Amino acid sequence: MNHNTGRRLSIPFAVNWKTAGAVGVGLLILLYGSVLVFRAFDMNSNSASDTIRPFVITMGPVWVLAIAAARVLLRGGRG
C-alpha cells in the first residue's frame, strides 16, 4: 500500500552546489560593488538625499536583475 500519493514537494532534494556557490560568490561581489557605488555617491554629496536617491536609482535595477537571474539559475530549468 502506497501512502505517499499526495502532492509532491517543490523543494528540490538534489542541489547543484557548484551553481549555488557561484550565485553566492556573485551576490557577494555585487554587495561589495554596491558599497563602492554608495561611497562614490557619498563622496561629494551635501545631504542624505543627494546620496540615497541616486544610489537607489542606480543599484535598484541591478539588484532586481541579479536576484531574478539567481532564481532562474537555482531553479535549474524545472517547471
Protein backbone atom coordinates (compact mmCIF):
# COMPACT_ATOMS: atom_id res chain seq x y z
CA MET A 1 0.00 0.00 0.00
CA ASN A 2 1.42 3.37 -1.04
CA HIS A 3 0.70 6.20 1.41
CA ASN A 4 2.77 8.84 -0.42
CA THR A 5 0.20 9.74 -3.04
CA GLY A 6 -0.14 13.40 -2.02
CA ARG A 7 1.21 16.46 -3.75
CA ARG A 8 4.94 16.47 -4.44
CA LEU A 9 7.10 18.95 -2.60
CA SER A 10 8.51 21.82 -4.61
CA ILE A 11 11.77 21.77 -2.66
CA PRO A 12 14.47 20.02 -4.69
CA PHE A 13 16.36 17.28 -2.88
CA ALA A 14 19.41 17.47 -5.13
CA VAL A 15 21.04 20.90 -5.07
CA ASN A 16 23.66 21.81 -7.63
CA TRP A 17 26.23 23.11 -5.15
CA LYS A 18 28.54 24.42 -7.89
CA THR A 19 25.80 26.69 -9.23
CA ALA A 20 24.71 27.71 -5.72
CA GLY A 21 28.31 28.58 -4.84
CA ALA A 22 28.71 30.64 -8.00
CA VAL A 23 25.49 32.52 -7.25
CA GLY A 24 26.68 33.15 -3.68
CA VAL A 25 30.04 34.48 -4.86
CA GLY A 26 28.29 36.66 -7.42
CA LEU A 27 25.99 38.14 -4.78
CA LEU A 28 28.98 38.87 -2.52
CA ILE A 29 30.74 40.67 -5.38
CA LEU A 30 27.53 42.61 -6.09
CA LEU A 31 27.32 43.58 -2.42
CA TYR A 32 30.92 44.80 -2.43
CA GLY A 33 30.29 46.74 -5.65
CA SER A 34 27.18 48.29 -4.11
CA VAL A 35 29.26 49.57 -1.20
CA LEU A 36 31.75 51.09 -3.63
CA VAL A 37 28.97 52.78 -5.60
CA PHE A 38 27.46 54.15 -2.39
CA ARG A 39 30.85 55.55 -1.34
CA ALA A 40 31.26 57.17 -4.77
CA PHE A 41 27.89 58.90 -4.47
CA ASP A 42 28.57 59.89 -0.86
CA MET A 43 31.95 61.42 -1.62
CA ASN A 44 30.66 64.75 -2.94
CA SER A 45 27.13 64.92 -1.54
CA ASN A 46 25.76 67.62 0.72
CA SER A 47 22.79 65.72 2.17
CA ALA A 48 21.43 62.23 2.63
CA SER A 49 19.02 62.64 -0.27
CA ASP A 50 21.96 63.54 -2.55
CA THR A 51 23.39 60.11 -1.75
CA ILE A 52 20.46 57.77 -1.28
CA ARG A 53 18.25 58.75 -4.23
CA PRO A 54 20.91 58.28 -6.95
CA PHE A 55 22.14 55.12 -5.26
CA VAL A 56 18.67 53.54 -5.25
CA ILE A 57 18.03 54.64 -8.84
CA THR A 58 21.36 53.15 -9.93
CA MET A 59 21.59 49.97 -7.89
CA GLY A 60 17.91 49.05 -7.51
CA PRO A 61 17.53 47.68 -11.05
CA VAL A 62 20.89 45.91 -10.78
CA TRP A 63 19.79 44.08 -7.62
CA VAL A 64 16.39 43.20 -9.15
CA LEU A 65 18.09 41.67 -12.20
CA ALA A 66 20.66 39.85 -10.06
CA ILE A 67 18.00 38.29 -7.84
CA ALA A 68 15.91 37.30 -10.86
CA ALA A 69 18.94 35.72 -12.53
CA ALA A 70 19.85 33.86 -9.33
CA ARG A 71 16.34 32.46 -9.07
CA VAL A 72 16.49 31.22 -12.67
CA LEU A 73 19.91 29.65 -12.16
CA LEU A 74 18.98 27.97 -8.90
CA ARG A 75 15.70 26.69 -10.30
CA GLY A 76 17.74 24.75 -12.88
CA GLY A 77 15.17 24.64 -15.65
CA ARG A 78 12.48 22.90 -13.62
CA GLY A 79 8.87 23.82 -14.22
